[in-house]
N, C-alpha and C. Protein backbone atom coordinates (compact mmCIF):
# COMPACT_ATOMS: atom_id res chain seq x y z
N MET A 1 -14.46 -5.74 0.69
CA MET A 1 -13.50 -6.40 -0.19
C MET A 1 -12.14 -6.36 0.49
N ASN A 2 -11.62 -7.53 0.83
CA ASN A 2 -10.30 -7.61 1.46
C ASN A 2 -9.73 -8.99 1.20
N TRP A 3 -9.01 -9.15 0.13
CA TRP A 3 -8.44 -10.44 -0.23
C TRP A 3 -7.14 -10.65 0.50
N GLY A 4 -7.08 -11.70 1.29
CA GLY A 4 -5.85 -12.03 1.97
C GLY A 4 -5.70 -11.31 3.29
N GLN A 5 -4.76 -11.82 4.05
CA GLN A 5 -4.45 -11.26 5.36
C GLN A 5 -3.25 -10.34 5.24
N ALA A 6 -3.36 -9.17 5.81
CA ALA A 6 -2.24 -8.22 5.76
C ALA A 6 -1.01 -8.84 6.42
N PRO A 7 0.15 -8.73 5.77
CA PRO A 7 1.36 -9.31 6.34
C PRO A 7 1.88 -8.47 7.51
N SER A 8 2.62 -9.12 8.38
CA SER A 8 3.29 -8.36 9.44
C SER A 8 4.44 -7.60 8.81
N LEU A 9 4.67 -6.40 9.29
CA LEU A 9 5.73 -5.53 8.75
C LEU A 9 6.45 -4.87 9.92
N LYS A 10 7.74 -4.67 9.75
CA LYS A 10 8.53 -3.96 10.76
C LYS A 10 9.60 -3.15 10.04
N TRP A 11 9.82 -1.93 10.51
CA TRP A 11 10.84 -1.08 9.90
C TRP A 11 11.57 -0.30 10.98
N GLU A 12 12.74 0.20 10.62
CA GLU A 12 13.55 0.95 11.58
C GLU A 12 14.43 1.94 10.84
N ASN A 13 15.06 2.82 11.61
CA ASN A 13 16.00 3.82 11.10
C ASN A 13 15.43 4.71 9.99
N PRO A 14 14.33 5.42 10.26
CA PRO A 14 13.79 6.32 9.24
C PRO A 14 14.76 7.48 9.01
N PRO A 15 14.68 8.11 7.86
CA PRO A 15 15.54 9.27 7.61
C PRO A 15 15.18 10.43 8.55
N GLU A 16 16.16 11.25 8.82
CA GLU A 16 15.93 12.43 9.65
C GLU A 16 14.82 13.28 9.04
N GLY A 17 13.94 13.78 9.87
CA GLY A 17 12.85 14.62 9.41
C GLY A 17 11.56 13.85 9.14
N THR A 18 11.57 12.54 9.33
CA THR A 18 10.35 11.75 9.10
C THR A 18 9.31 12.10 10.15
N MET A 19 8.11 12.47 9.68
CA MET A 19 7.01 12.85 10.57
C MET A 19 5.83 11.87 10.48
N SER A 20 5.79 11.07 9.41
CA SER A 20 4.73 10.07 9.26
C SER A 20 5.15 9.08 8.18
N TYR A 21 4.35 8.01 8.06
CA TYR A 21 4.59 6.99 7.04
C TYR A 21 3.33 6.78 6.21
N ALA A 22 3.54 6.19 5.04
CA ALA A 22 2.44 5.74 4.20
C ALA A 22 2.79 4.35 3.69
N PHE A 23 1.78 3.52 3.51
CA PHE A 23 1.95 2.15 3.03
C PHE A 23 1.06 1.94 1.81
N PHE A 24 1.60 1.29 0.78
CA PHE A 24 0.82 0.98 -0.42
C PHE A 24 1.04 -0.45 -0.85
N MET A 25 0.01 -1.08 -1.40
CA MET A 25 0.08 -2.41 -2.00
C MET A 25 -0.23 -2.23 -3.48
N ILE A 26 0.78 -2.49 -4.33
CA ILE A 26 0.66 -2.23 -5.77
C ILE A 26 0.98 -3.50 -6.55
N ASP A 27 0.13 -3.84 -7.50
CA ASP A 27 0.38 -4.95 -8.43
C ASP A 27 1.19 -4.36 -9.59
N GLU A 28 2.50 -4.55 -9.55
CA GLU A 28 3.39 -3.98 -10.58
C GLU A 28 3.11 -4.54 -11.97
N THR A 29 2.70 -5.80 -12.04
CA THR A 29 2.40 -6.41 -13.34
C THR A 29 1.32 -5.62 -14.06
N LEU A 30 0.29 -5.21 -13.33
CA LEU A 30 -0.81 -4.46 -13.95
C LEU A 30 -0.46 -2.99 -14.18
N THR A 31 0.22 -2.37 -13.22
CA THR A 31 0.47 -0.93 -13.33
C THR A 31 1.57 -0.57 -14.33
N THR A 32 2.37 -1.56 -14.75
CA THR A 32 3.43 -1.26 -15.72
C THR A 32 3.14 -1.79 -17.11
N LYS A 33 2.00 -2.47 -17.29
CA LYS A 33 1.68 -2.94 -18.64
C LYS A 33 1.17 -1.77 -19.48
N GLN A 34 1.11 -1.95 -20.76
CA GLN A 34 0.66 -0.88 -21.66
C GLN A 34 -0.68 -1.22 -22.29
N PRO A 35 -1.70 -0.40 -22.10
CA PRO A 35 -1.73 0.74 -21.19
C PRO A 35 -1.80 0.25 -19.74
N PRO A 36 -1.37 1.07 -18.80
CA PRO A 36 -1.41 0.67 -17.39
C PRO A 36 -2.85 0.36 -16.96
N ASP A 37 -3.01 -0.63 -16.11
CA ASP A 37 -4.31 -1.02 -15.57
C ASP A 37 -4.43 -0.44 -14.16
N VAL A 38 -5.34 0.49 -13.96
CA VAL A 38 -5.52 1.17 -12.67
C VAL A 38 -5.87 0.18 -11.56
N ASN A 39 -6.42 -0.98 -11.90
CA ASN A 39 -6.80 -1.95 -10.89
C ASN A 39 -5.60 -2.55 -10.15
N GLY A 40 -4.40 -2.31 -10.65
CA GLY A 40 -3.20 -2.77 -9.96
C GLY A 40 -2.86 -1.95 -8.73
N ASN A 41 -3.51 -0.82 -8.56
CA ASN A 41 -3.29 0.04 -7.38
C ASN A 41 -4.24 -0.44 -6.29
N HIS A 42 -3.81 -1.46 -5.56
CA HIS A 42 -4.70 -2.17 -4.64
C HIS A 42 -5.17 -1.34 -3.46
N SER A 43 -4.24 -0.81 -2.69
CA SER A 43 -4.66 -0.16 -1.45
C SER A 43 -3.56 0.74 -0.91
N GLY A 44 -3.95 1.61 0.00
CA GLY A 44 -2.99 2.52 0.61
C GLY A 44 -3.49 3.04 1.93
N VAL A 45 -2.55 3.40 2.78
CA VAL A 45 -2.87 4.03 4.06
C VAL A 45 -1.77 5.04 4.36
N TRP A 46 -2.13 6.21 4.87
CA TRP A 46 -1.17 7.26 5.15
C TRP A 46 -1.52 7.93 6.47
N ASN A 47 -0.68 8.88 6.87
CA ASN A 47 -0.79 9.53 8.18
C ASN A 47 -0.55 8.51 9.30
N ILE A 48 0.34 7.54 9.02
CA ILE A 48 0.76 6.59 10.04
C ILE A 48 1.78 7.31 10.92
N PRO A 49 1.52 7.43 12.21
CA PRO A 49 2.45 8.17 13.07
C PRO A 49 3.80 7.47 13.20
N THR A 50 4.83 8.24 13.48
CA THR A 50 6.18 7.68 13.60
C THR A 50 6.34 6.82 14.84
N SER A 51 5.40 6.87 15.75
CA SER A 51 5.45 5.99 16.92
C SER A 51 5.17 4.53 16.54
N ILE A 52 4.62 4.33 15.35
CA ILE A 52 4.36 2.97 14.85
C ILE A 52 5.50 2.57 13.93
N THR A 53 6.18 1.48 14.27
CA THR A 53 7.27 0.97 13.44
C THR A 53 7.09 -0.50 13.11
N GLU A 54 5.93 -1.04 13.46
CA GLU A 54 5.62 -2.40 13.04
C GLU A 54 4.11 -2.60 13.06
N LEU A 55 3.68 -3.53 12.22
CA LEU A 55 2.27 -3.89 12.13
C LEU A 55 2.16 -5.40 12.26
N PRO A 56 1.19 -5.88 13.05
CA PRO A 56 1.06 -7.32 13.25
C PRO A 56 0.38 -8.00 12.06
N LEU A 57 0.56 -9.30 11.97
CA LEU A 57 -0.13 -10.09 10.96
C LEU A 57 -1.63 -9.83 11.06
N GLY A 58 -2.25 -9.52 9.93
CA GLY A 58 -3.69 -9.27 9.91
C GLY A 58 -4.09 -7.86 10.30
N TRP A 59 -3.15 -6.93 10.32
CA TRP A 59 -3.44 -5.56 10.76
C TRP A 59 -4.55 -4.93 9.93
N THR A 60 -5.24 -4.00 10.57
CA THR A 60 -6.26 -3.18 9.88
C THR A 60 -6.09 -1.74 10.34
N ILE A 61 -6.63 -0.82 9.57
CA ILE A 61 -6.57 0.59 9.96
C ILE A 61 -7.29 0.78 11.29
N ALA A 62 -8.49 0.22 11.40
CA ALA A 62 -9.30 0.43 12.61
C ALA A 62 -8.62 -0.14 13.86
N ALA A 63 -8.02 -1.31 13.74
CA ALA A 63 -7.46 -1.97 14.92
C ALA A 63 -6.05 -1.50 15.27
N ASN A 64 -5.26 -1.10 14.27
CA ASN A 64 -3.84 -0.87 14.52
C ASN A 64 -3.31 0.50 14.15
N LEU A 65 -4.11 1.31 13.46
CA LEU A 65 -3.59 2.58 12.95
C LEU A 65 -4.52 3.74 13.25
N SER A 66 -4.77 3.97 14.50
CA SER A 66 -5.63 5.07 14.91
C SER A 66 -5.13 6.39 14.34
N GLY A 67 -6.01 7.12 13.70
CA GLY A 67 -5.66 8.42 13.13
C GLY A 67 -5.20 8.36 11.69
N ALA A 68 -4.91 7.16 11.19
CA ALA A 68 -4.48 7.02 9.80
C ALA A 68 -5.69 7.00 8.87
N THR A 69 -5.44 7.28 7.61
CA THR A 69 -6.47 7.31 6.58
C THR A 69 -6.07 6.37 5.46
N GLY A 70 -7.05 5.71 4.83
CA GLY A 70 -6.69 4.81 3.75
C GLY A 70 -7.79 4.59 2.75
N ILE A 71 -7.43 3.87 1.71
CA ILE A 71 -8.35 3.51 0.63
C ILE A 71 -8.30 1.99 0.48
N ASN A 72 -9.46 1.38 0.30
CA ASN A 72 -9.59 -0.07 0.15
C ASN A 72 -9.11 -0.81 1.38
N GLY A 73 -9.37 -0.25 2.55
CA GLY A 73 -9.07 -0.92 3.80
C GLY A 73 -7.64 -0.86 4.26
N GLY A 74 -6.77 -0.21 3.48
CA GLY A 74 -5.36 -0.15 3.85
C GLY A 74 -4.56 -1.31 3.29
N TYR A 75 -5.18 -2.50 3.19
CA TYR A 75 -4.51 -3.65 2.60
C TYR A 75 -5.54 -4.46 1.82
N LEU A 76 -5.29 -4.59 0.55
CA LEU A 76 -6.10 -5.42 -0.34
C LEU A 76 -5.11 -6.37 -1.00
N GLY A 77 -5.14 -7.63 -0.60
CA GLY A 77 -4.13 -8.61 -0.99
C GLY A 77 -4.13 -8.99 -2.46
N PRO A 78 -3.22 -9.87 -2.83
CA PRO A 78 -3.07 -10.31 -4.23
C PRO A 78 -4.31 -10.99 -4.77
N CYS A 79 -4.59 -10.74 -6.04
CA CYS A 79 -5.72 -11.39 -6.73
C CYS A 79 -5.42 -11.50 -8.23
N PRO A 80 -4.26 -12.09 -8.61
CA PRO A 80 -3.89 -12.11 -10.02
C PRO A 80 -4.82 -12.94 -10.91
N ASN A 81 -5.63 -13.81 -10.31
CA ASN A 81 -6.51 -14.68 -11.09
C ASN A 81 -7.98 -14.37 -10.87
N LEU A 82 -8.27 -13.13 -10.54
CA LEU A 82 -9.64 -12.72 -10.29
C LEU A 82 -10.49 -12.80 -11.56
N ILE A 83 -9.95 -12.35 -12.68
CA ILE A 83 -10.70 -12.29 -13.93
C ILE A 83 -10.38 -13.48 -14.84
N SER A 84 -9.12 -13.85 -14.92
CA SER A 84 -8.72 -15.00 -15.73
C SER A 84 -7.73 -15.84 -14.94
N GLN A 85 -7.57 -17.08 -15.30
CA GLN A 85 -6.72 -18.02 -14.57
C GLN A 85 -5.33 -18.13 -15.19
N GLY A 86 -4.38 -18.64 -14.41
CA GLY A 86 -3.03 -18.90 -14.92
C GLY A 86 -2.08 -17.73 -14.82
N ASN A 87 -2.42 -16.73 -14.02
CA ASN A 87 -1.57 -15.53 -13.90
C ASN A 87 -0.70 -15.58 -12.66
N THR A 88 0.50 -15.07 -12.78
CA THR A 88 1.38 -14.82 -11.64
C THR A 88 1.83 -13.38 -11.77
N ASP A 89 1.46 -12.56 -10.80
CA ASP A 89 1.77 -11.13 -10.85
C ASP A 89 2.81 -10.78 -9.80
N LYS A 90 3.55 -9.69 -10.08
CA LYS A 90 4.53 -9.16 -9.13
C LYS A 90 3.85 -8.06 -8.31
N TYR A 91 4.01 -8.16 -6.98
CA TYR A 91 3.42 -7.19 -6.07
C TYR A 91 4.50 -6.47 -5.29
N ASN A 92 4.24 -5.19 -5.02
CA ASN A 92 5.15 -4.38 -4.21
C ASN A 92 4.43 -3.88 -2.97
N LEU A 93 5.02 -4.15 -1.81
CA LEU A 93 4.58 -3.55 -0.56
C LEU A 93 5.52 -2.37 -0.36
N ILE A 94 4.96 -1.18 -0.31
CA ILE A 94 5.77 0.05 -0.33
C ILE A 94 5.54 0.85 0.94
N LEU A 95 6.63 1.24 1.57
CA LEU A 95 6.56 2.11 2.75
C LEU A 95 7.27 3.41 2.41
N LEU A 96 6.58 4.53 2.61
CA LEU A 96 7.16 5.85 2.38
C LEU A 96 7.38 6.56 3.72
N ALA A 97 8.54 7.17 3.88
CA ALA A 97 8.82 8.05 5.02
C ALA A 97 8.52 9.47 4.55
N LEU A 98 7.66 10.16 5.29
CA LEU A 98 7.15 11.46 4.85
C LEU A 98 7.52 12.59 5.81
N PRO A 99 7.72 13.82 5.26
CA PRO A 99 8.16 14.94 6.09
C PRO A 99 7.06 15.70 6.84
N GLU A 100 5.82 15.34 6.63
CA GLU A 100 4.70 15.99 7.33
C GLU A 100 3.95 14.93 8.13
N ALA A 101 3.34 15.35 9.23
CA ALA A 101 2.60 14.41 10.08
C ALA A 101 1.26 14.01 9.49
N SER A 102 0.69 14.89 8.65
CA SER A 102 -0.65 14.63 8.13
C SER A 102 -0.78 15.13 6.70
N TYR A 103 -1.46 14.35 5.89
CA TYR A 103 -1.73 14.72 4.49
C TYR A 103 -3.21 14.55 4.22
N THR A 104 -3.75 15.43 3.40
CA THR A 104 -5.11 15.31 2.93
C THR A 104 -5.06 14.80 1.49
N VAL A 105 -5.66 13.65 1.28
CA VAL A 105 -5.67 13.02 -0.04
C VAL A 105 -7.12 12.78 -0.41
N SER A 106 -7.50 13.15 -1.62
CA SER A 106 -8.88 12.91 -2.04
C SER A 106 -8.90 11.76 -3.04
N GLY A 107 -10.08 11.22 -3.24
CA GLY A 107 -10.25 10.12 -4.18
C GLY A 107 -10.60 8.83 -3.46
N ASN A 108 -10.99 7.85 -4.25
CA ASN A 108 -11.32 6.54 -3.69
C ASN A 108 -11.08 5.48 -4.74
N GLY A 109 -11.19 4.24 -4.35
CA GLY A 109 -10.98 3.13 -5.26
C GLY A 109 -9.55 3.07 -5.76
N THR A 110 -9.34 2.29 -6.79
CA THR A 110 -7.99 2.08 -7.29
C THR A 110 -7.38 3.34 -7.90
N SER A 111 -8.19 4.19 -8.51
CA SER A 111 -7.63 5.44 -9.05
C SER A 111 -7.23 6.38 -7.90
N GLY A 112 -7.96 6.33 -6.79
CA GLY A 112 -7.58 7.10 -5.62
C GLY A 112 -6.26 6.63 -5.02
N VAL A 113 -6.06 5.30 -5.01
CA VAL A 113 -4.79 4.75 -4.53
C VAL A 113 -3.65 5.22 -5.44
N ARG A 114 -3.87 5.14 -6.75
CA ARG A 114 -2.85 5.58 -7.72
C ARG A 114 -2.48 7.04 -7.48
N ASP A 115 -3.47 7.89 -7.33
CA ASP A 115 -3.22 9.32 -7.15
C ASP A 115 -2.56 9.61 -5.80
N ALA A 116 -2.99 8.90 -4.75
CA ALA A 116 -2.38 9.10 -3.43
C ALA A 116 -0.92 8.68 -3.46
N TYR A 117 -0.62 7.55 -4.08
CA TYR A 117 0.77 7.08 -4.16
C TYR A 117 1.63 8.09 -4.93
N ALA A 118 1.14 8.58 -6.05
CA ALA A 118 1.91 9.55 -6.84
C ALA A 118 2.18 10.82 -6.03
N MET A 119 1.16 11.31 -5.34
CA MET A 119 1.31 12.54 -4.55
C MET A 119 2.30 12.34 -3.40
N LEU A 120 2.13 11.26 -2.66
CA LEU A 120 2.96 11.05 -1.48
C LEU A 120 4.38 10.61 -1.85
N LYS A 121 4.53 9.88 -2.92
CA LYS A 121 5.88 9.49 -3.37
C LYS A 121 6.69 10.74 -3.72
N ALA A 122 6.03 11.73 -4.31
CA ALA A 122 6.72 12.97 -4.67
C ALA A 122 7.19 13.73 -3.43
N GLU A 123 6.54 13.51 -2.29
CA GLU A 123 6.90 14.17 -1.03
C GLU A 123 7.89 13.37 -0.19
N ALA A 124 8.05 12.09 -0.51
CA ALA A 124 8.76 11.15 0.36
C ALA A 124 10.23 11.49 0.56
N LEU A 125 10.69 11.29 1.79
CA LEU A 125 12.10 11.40 2.13
C LEU A 125 12.82 10.11 1.74
N ALA A 126 12.10 8.99 1.80
CA ALA A 126 12.67 7.69 1.44
C ALA A 126 11.53 6.73 1.12
N GLU A 127 11.88 5.66 0.39
CA GLU A 127 10.91 4.65 0.00
C GLU A 127 11.56 3.28 0.17
N ALA A 128 10.84 2.37 0.81
CA ALA A 128 11.29 0.98 0.94
C ALA A 128 10.28 0.10 0.22
N ILE A 129 10.77 -0.84 -0.60
CA ILE A 129 9.89 -1.71 -1.37
C ILE A 129 10.24 -3.16 -1.10
N LEU A 130 9.23 -3.93 -0.73
CA LEU A 130 9.35 -5.38 -0.58
C LEU A 130 8.53 -5.99 -1.71
N SER A 131 9.17 -6.77 -2.58
CA SER A 131 8.50 -7.33 -3.76
C SER A 131 8.38 -8.84 -3.66
N GLY A 132 7.33 -9.35 -4.27
CA GLY A 132 7.12 -10.78 -4.34
C GLY A 132 6.11 -11.09 -5.44
N THR A 133 5.91 -12.36 -5.71
CA THR A 133 4.94 -12.76 -6.73
C THR A 133 3.82 -13.57 -6.10
N SER A 134 2.70 -13.60 -6.79
CA SER A 134 1.55 -14.38 -6.33
C SER A 134 0.80 -14.95 -7.51
N ALA A 135 0.35 -16.20 -7.35
CA ALA A 135 -0.54 -16.85 -8.30
C ALA A 135 -1.84 -17.22 -7.59
N ALA A 136 -2.19 -16.45 -6.56
CA ALA A 136 -3.39 -16.73 -5.73
C ALA A 136 -4.63 -16.80 -6.57
N VAL A 137 -5.55 -17.65 -6.16
CA VAL A 137 -6.85 -17.78 -6.80
C VAL A 137 -7.90 -17.37 -5.76
N ILE A 138 -8.77 -16.44 -6.12
CA ILE A 138 -9.83 -15.97 -5.23
C ILE A 138 -11.01 -16.92 -5.36
N LYS A 139 -11.47 -17.42 -4.23
CA LYS A 139 -12.61 -18.36 -4.25
C LYS A 139 -13.88 -17.66 -3.89
């Protein structure tokens, strides 16, 4: 399961003490509704070394992030119309700067992404968020 192509990303000037990065793709529309929908926690990857400061279009954990760990392939793209049509959801691409080189995170699926994001966000030295909307239809 991998909807969409991972976008190219580039970052610079991490805070002092950064030892690794984590990346998450979160559907804010789903995760902030009441009650929150766990399916909005699309994907995540962590233990990204600080030697990596950009990812090419279509990146994958296997091809571009040796040593990193992730859930749902690291990138699971927008799918606001998977169950019903006519939706436009807000998505956040989130990069965390972390003070440790390696983290052990347990869990899988969307609840695993939710738990990993909560754990690593609590540890983060800084967080960068790129937001956008999508009305994509999965064929």
